[in-house]
Amino acid sequence: FKAKLTYSDGKMTLCLRAVDGKSKDNTIVREIEGDNLVQTATCNGVTAKTTFKKC
């Protein structure tokens, strides 16, 4: 993978680009919402959202 990490508007975005032709490109966005860390991952048109709560 070739990775590019950016931060803007309170969101950290990691773009992973496949370089071997076998893997798929994907994007992971992390942001703080209240006391939670919300992570949204997208790959090949499928999106998954995970919420981490602060203890």
PDB file of N, CA and C in Angstrom:
ATOM      1  N   PHE A   1       0.824  -1.192   0.000  1.00  0.00           N
ATOM      2  CA  PHE A   1       0.000   0.000   0.000  1.00  0.00           C
ATOM      3  C   PHE A   1       0.865   1.251   0.000  1.00  0.00           C
ATOM      4  N   LYS A   2       0.325   2.299  -0.555  1.00  0.00           N
ATOM      5  CA  LYS A   2       0.918   3.622  -0.479  1.00  0.00           C
ATOM      6  C   LYS A   2      -0.057   4.439   0.355  1.00  0.00           C
ATOM      7  N   ALA A   3       0.423   5.054   1.441  1.00  0.00           N
ATOM      8  CA  ALA A   3      -0.458   5.721   2.385  1.00  0.00           C
ATOM      9  C   ALA A   3      -0.273   7.233   2.376  1.00  0.00           C
ATOM     10  N   LYS A   4      -1.401   7.932   2.585  1.00  0.00           N
ATOM     11  CA  LYS A   4      -1.371   9.384   2.726  1.00  0.00           C
ATOM     12  C   LYS A   4      -2.274   9.752   3.895  1.00  0.00           C
ATOM     13  N   LEU A   5      -1.717  10.435   4.893  1.00  0.00           N
ATOM     14  CA  LEU A   5      -2.447  10.838   6.090  1.00  0.00           C
ATOM     15  C   LEU A   5      -2.645  12.341   6.060  1.00  0.00           C
ATOM     16  N   THR A   6      -3.900  12.783   6.222  1.00  0.00           N
ATOM     17  CA  THR A   6      -4.196  14.215   6.258  1.00  0.00           C
ATOM     18  C   THR A   6      -5.075  14.514   7.462  1.00  0.00           C
ATOM     19  N   TYR A   7      -5.046  15.778   7.886  1.00  0.00           N
ATOM     20  CA  TYR A   7      -5.885  16.233   8.984  1.00  0.00           C
ATOM     21  C   TYR A   7      -6.489  17.578   8.603  1.00  0.00           C
ATOM     22  N   SER A   8      -7.821  17.649   8.608  1.00  0.00           N
ATOM     23  CA  SER A   8      -8.486  18.921   8.348  1.00  0.00           C
ATOM     24  C   SER A   8      -9.903  18.861   8.897  1.00  0.00           C
ATOM     25  N   ASP A   9     -10.396  19.991   9.340  1.00  0.00           N
ATOM     26  CA  ASP A   9     -11.751  20.124   9.890  1.00  0.00           C
ATOM     27  C   ASP A   9     -12.022  19.120  11.006  1.00  0.00           C
ATOM     28  N   GLY A  10     -11.013  18.822  11.823  1.00  0.00           N
ATOM     29  CA  GLY A  10     -11.189  17.911  12.946  1.00  0.00           C
ATOM     30  C   GLY A  10     -11.243  16.443  12.567  1.00  0.00           C
ATOM     31  N   LYS A  11     -10.905  16.113  11.332  1.00  0.00           N
ATOM     32  CA  LYS A  11     -10.934  14.732  10.869  1.00  0.00           C
ATOM     33  C   LYS A  11      -9.547  14.299  10.402  1.00  0.00           C
ATOM     34  N   MET A  12      -9.155  13.106  10.830  1.00  0.00           N
ATOM     35  CA  MET A  12      -7.901  12.516  10.381  1.00  0.00           C
ATOM     36  C   MET A  12      -8.259  11.471   9.327  1.00  0.00           C
ATOM     37  N   THR A  13      -7.732  11.635   8.123  1.00  0.00           N
ATOM     38  CA  THR A  13      -8.070  10.754   7.010  1.00  0.00           C
ATOM     39  C   THR A  13      -6.823  10.021   6.530  1.00  0.00           C
ATOM     40  N   LEU A  14      -6.937   8.698   6.469  1.00  0.00           N
ATOM     41  CA  LEU A  14      -5.858   7.851   5.976  1.00  0.00           C
ATOM     42  C   LEU A  14      -6.324   7.208   4.677  1.00  0.00           C
ATOM     43  N   CYS A  15      -5.665   7.553   3.582  1.00  0.00           N
ATOM     44  CA  CYS A  15      -5.984   6.976   2.270  1.00  0.00           C
ATOM     45  C   CYS A  15      -4.912   5.950   1.933  1.00  0.00           C
ATOM     46  N   LEU A  16      -5.332   4.720   1.730  1.00  0.00           N
ATOM     47  CA  LEU A  16      -4.422   3.638   1.391  1.00  0.00           C
ATOM     48  C   LEU A  16      -4.676   3.227  -0.052  1.00  0.00           C
ATOM     49  N   ARG A  17      -3.654   3.307  -0.875  1.00  0.00           N
ATOM     50  CA  ARG A  17      -3.764   2.969  -2.292  1.00  0.00           C
ATOM     51  C   ARG A  17      -2.980   1.690  -2.565  1.00  0.00           C
ATOM     52  N   ALA A  18      -3.620   0.762  -3.218  1.00  0.00           N
ATOM     53  CA  ALA A  18      -2.972  -0.517  -3.553  1.00  0.00           C
ATOM     54  C   ALA A  18      -1.912  -0.290  -4.621  1.00  0.00           C
ATOM     55  N   VAL A  19      -0.784  -0.919  -4.443  1.00  0.00           N
ATOM     56  CA  VAL A  19       0.287  -0.801  -5.436  1.00  0.00           C
ATOM     57  C   VAL A  19       0.623  -2.152  -6.073  1.00  0.00           C
ATOM     58  N   ASP A  20       0.062  -3.222  -5.536  1.00  0.00           N
ATOM     59  CA  ASP A  20       0.411  -4.548  -6.051  1.00  0.00           C
ATOM     60  C   ASP A  20      -0.613  -5.120  -7.032  1.00  0.00           C
ATOM     61  N   GLY A  21      -1.755  -4.461  -7.200  1.00  0.00           N
ATOM     62  CA  GLY A  21      -2.766  -4.959  -8.118  1.00  0.00           C
ATOM     63  C   GLY A  21      -3.669  -6.026  -7.529  1.00  0.00           C
ATOM     64  N   LYS A  22      -3.324  -6.553  -6.367  1.00  0.00           N
ATOM     65  CA  LYS A  22      -4.133  -7.580  -5.705  1.00  0.00           C
ATOM     66  C   LYS A  22      -5.066  -6.962  -4.661  1.00  0.00           C
ATOM     67  N   SER A  23      -4.578  -5.968  -3.941  1.00  0.00           N
ATOM     68  CA  SER A  23      -5.340  -5.332  -2.870  1.00  0.00           C
ATOM     69  C   SER A  23      -6.263  -4.268  -3.422  1.00  0.00           C
ATOM     70  N   LYS A  24      -7.175  -3.792  -2.583  1.00  0.00           N
ATOM     71  CA  LYS A  24      -8.107  -2.744  -2.977  1.00  0.00           C
ATOM     72  C   LYS A  24      -7.781  -1.453  -2.220  1.00  0.00           C
ATOM     73  N   ASP A  25      -8.055  -0.321  -2.842  1.00  0.00           N
ATOM     74  CA  ASP A  25      -7.875   0.965  -2.184  1.00  0.00           C
ATOM     75  C   ASP A  25      -8.889   1.078  -1.044  1.00  0.00           C
ATOM     76  N   ASN A  26      -8.495   1.747   0.034  1.00  0.00           N
ATOM     77  CA  ASN A  26      -9.440   2.002   1.110  1.00  0.00           C
ATOM     78  C   ASN A  26      -9.119   3.294   1.821  1.00  0.00           C
ATOM     79  N   THR A  27     -10.128   3.814   2.513  1.00  0.00           N
ATOM     80  CA  THR A  27     -10.005   5.080   3.225  1.00  0.00           C
ATOM     81  C   THR A  27     -10.543   4.905   4.634  1.00  0.00           C
ATOM     82  N   ILE A  28      -9.817   5.443   5.616  1.00  0.00           N
ATOM     83  CA  ILE A  28     -10.242   5.400   7.007  1.00  0.00           C
ATOM     84  C   ILE A  28     -10.282   6.835   7.529  1.00  0.00           C
ATOM     85  N   VAL A  29     -11.438   7.236   8.066  1.00  0.00           N
ATOM     86  CA  VAL A  29     -11.613   8.579   8.611  1.00  0.00           C
ATOM     87  C   VAL A  29     -11.869   8.436  10.109  1.00  0.00           C
ATOM     88  N   ARG A  30     -11.116   9.198  10.915  1.00  0.00           N
ATOM     89  CA  ARG A  30     -11.302   9.188  12.367  1.00  0.00           C
ATOM     90  C   ARG A  30     -11.631  10.604  12.820  1.00  0.00           C
ATOM     91  N   GLU A  31     -12.639  10.707  13.707  1.00  0.00           N
ATOM     92  CA  GLU A  31     -13.022  12.017  14.231  1.00  0.00           C
ATOM     93  C   GLU A  31     -13.592  11.864  15.630  1.00  0.00           C
ATOM     94  N   ILE A  32     -13.511  12.939  16.406  1.00  0.00           N
ATOM     95  CA  ILE A  32     -14.046  12.971  17.763  1.00  0.00           C
ATOM     96  C   ILE A  32     -15.447  13.565  17.707  1.00  0.00           C
ATOM     97  N   GLU A  33     -16.411  12.847  18.304  1.00  0.00           N
ATOM     98  CA  GLU A  33     -17.775  13.335  18.432  1.00  0.00           C
ATOM     99  C   GLU A  33     -18.149  13.227  19.896  1.00  0.00           C
ATOM    100  N   GLY A  34     -18.151  14.362  20.603  1.00  0.00           N
ATOM    101  CA  GLY A  34     -18.407  14.338  22.046  1.00  0.00           C
ATOM    102  C   GLY A  34     -17.292  13.613  22.757  1.00  0.00           C
ATOM    103  N   ASP A  35     -17.640  12.553  23.513  1.00  0.00           N
ATOM    104  CA  ASP A  35     -16.644  11.732  24.208  1.00  0.00           C
ATOM    105  C   ASP A  35     -16.301  10.464  23.428  1.00  0.00           C
ATOM    106  N   ASN A  36     -16.669  10.425  22.160  1.00  0.00           N
ATOM    107  CA  ASN A  36     -16.463   9.227  21.346  1.00  0.00           C
ATOM    108  C   ASN A  36     -15.477   9.478  20.205  1.00  0.00           C
ATOM    109  N   LEU A  37     -14.758   8.420  19.864  1.00  0.00           N
ATOM    110  CA  LEU A  37     -13.924   8.414  18.655  1.00  0.00           C
ATOM    111  C   LEU A  37     -14.691   7.598  17.627  1.00  0.00           C
ATOM    112  N   VAL A  38     -15.015   8.209  16.500  1.00  0.00           N
ATOM    113  CA  VAL A  38     -15.760   7.532  15.451  1.00  0.00           C
ATOM    114  C   VAL A  38     -14.816   7.249  14.292  1.00  0.00           C
ATOM    115  N   GLN A  39     -14.769   5.980  13.893  1.00  0.00           N
ATOM    116  CA  GLN A  39     -13.916   5.558  12.782  1.00  0.00           C
ATOM    117  C   GLN A  39     -14.807   5.023  11.667  1.00  0.00           C
ATOM    118  N   THR A  40     -14.637   5.575  10.469  1.00  0.00           N
ATOM    119  CA  THR A  40     -15.404   5.132   9.315  1.00  0.00           C
ATOM    120  C   THR A  40     -14.426   4.630   8.258  1.00  0.00           C
ATOM    121  N   ALA A  41     -14.585   3.372   7.885  1.00  0.00           N
ATOM    122  CA  ALA A  41     -13.705   2.751   6.898  1.00  0.00           C
ATOM    123  C   ALA A  41     -14.506   2.440   5.638  1.00  0.00           C
ATOM    124  N   THR A  42     -13.926   2.767   4.475  1.00  0.00           N
ATOM    125  CA  THR A  42     -14.586   2.509   3.201  1.00  0.00           C
ATOM    126  C   THR A  42     -13.622   1.770   2.277  1.00  0.00           C
ATOM    127  N   CYS A  43     -14.138   0.675   1.693  1.00  0.00           N
ATOM    128  CA  CYS A  43     -13.348  -0.112   0.750  1.00  0.00           C
ATOM    129  C   CYS A  43     -14.285  -0.716  -0.287  1.00  0.00           C
ATOM    130  N   ASN A  44     -14.005  -0.470  -1.546  1.00  0.00           N
ATOM    131  CA  ASN A  44     -14.747  -1.070  -2.647  1.00  0.00           C
ATOM    132  C   ASN A  44     -16.258  -0.792  -2.545  1.00  0.00           C
ATOM    133  N   GLY A  45     -16.620   0.419  -2.105  1.00  0.00           N
ATOM    134  CA  GLY A  45     -18.021   0.807  -2.016  1.00  0.00           C
ATOM    135  C   GLY A  45     -18.736   0.350  -0.766  1.00  0.00           C
ATOM    136  N   VAL A  46     -18.038  -0.353   0.130  1.00  0.00           N
ATOM    137  CA  VAL A  46     -18.626  -0.821   1.385  1.00  0.00           C
ATOM    138  C   VAL A  46     -18.075   0.031   2.521  1.00  0.00           C
ATOM    139  N   THR A  47     -18.980   0.501   3.406  1.00  0.00           N
ATOM    140  CA  THR A  47     -18.580   1.360   4.518  1.00  0.00           C
ATOM    141  C   THR A  47     -18.906   0.701   5.851  1.00  0.00           C
ATOM    142  N   ALA A  48     -17.960   0.787   6.792  1.00  0.00           N
ATOM    143  CA  ALA A  48     -18.148   0.265   8.148  1.00  0.00           C
ATOM    144  C   ALA A  48     -17.867   1.405   9.123  1.00  0.00           C
ATOM    145  N   LYS A  49     -18.711   1.528  10.138  1.00  0.00           N
ATOM    146  CA  LYS A  49     -18.541   2.592  11.132  1.00  0.00           C
ATOM    147  C   LYS A  49     -18.389   1.962  12.507  1.00  0.00           C
ATOM    148  N   THR A  50     -17.337   2.370  13.229  1.00  0.00           N
ATOM    149  CA  THR A  50     -17.066   1.876  14.573  1.00  0.00           C
ATOM    150  C   THR A  50     -16.983   3.061  15.517  1.00  0.00           C
ATOM    151  N   THR A  51     -17.611   2.946  16.684  1.00  0.00           N
ATOM    152  CA  THR A  51     -17.583   4.015  17.690  1.00  0.00           C
ATOM    153  C   THR A  51     -16.878   3.495  18.932  1.00  0.00           C
ATOM    154  N   PHE A  52     -15.873   4.251  19.376  1.00  0.00           N
ATOM    155  CA  PHE A  52     -15.143   3.918  20.595  1.00  0.00           C
ATOM    156  C   PHE A  52     -15.555   4.921  21.661  1.00  0.00           C
ATOM    157  N   LYS A  53     -15.999   4.418  22.829  1.00  0.00           N
ATOM    158  CA  LYS A  53     -16.424   5.290  23.916  1.00  0.00           C
ATOM    159  C   LYS A  53     -15.290   5.517  24.895  1.00  0.00           C
ATOM    160  N   LYS A  54     -15.201   6.739  25.383  1.00  0.00           N
ATOM    161  CA  LYS A  54     -14.198   7.084  26.378  1.00  0.00           C
ATOM    162  C   LYS A  54     -14.612   6.512  27.729  1.00  0.00           C
ATOM    163  N   CYS A  55     -13.669   5.892  28.432  1.00  0.00           N
ATOM    164  CA  CYS A  55     -13.973   5.287  29.741  1.00  0.00           C
ATOM    165  C   CYS A  55     -13.905   6.314  30.839  1.00  0.00           C
TER     166      CYS A  55
END
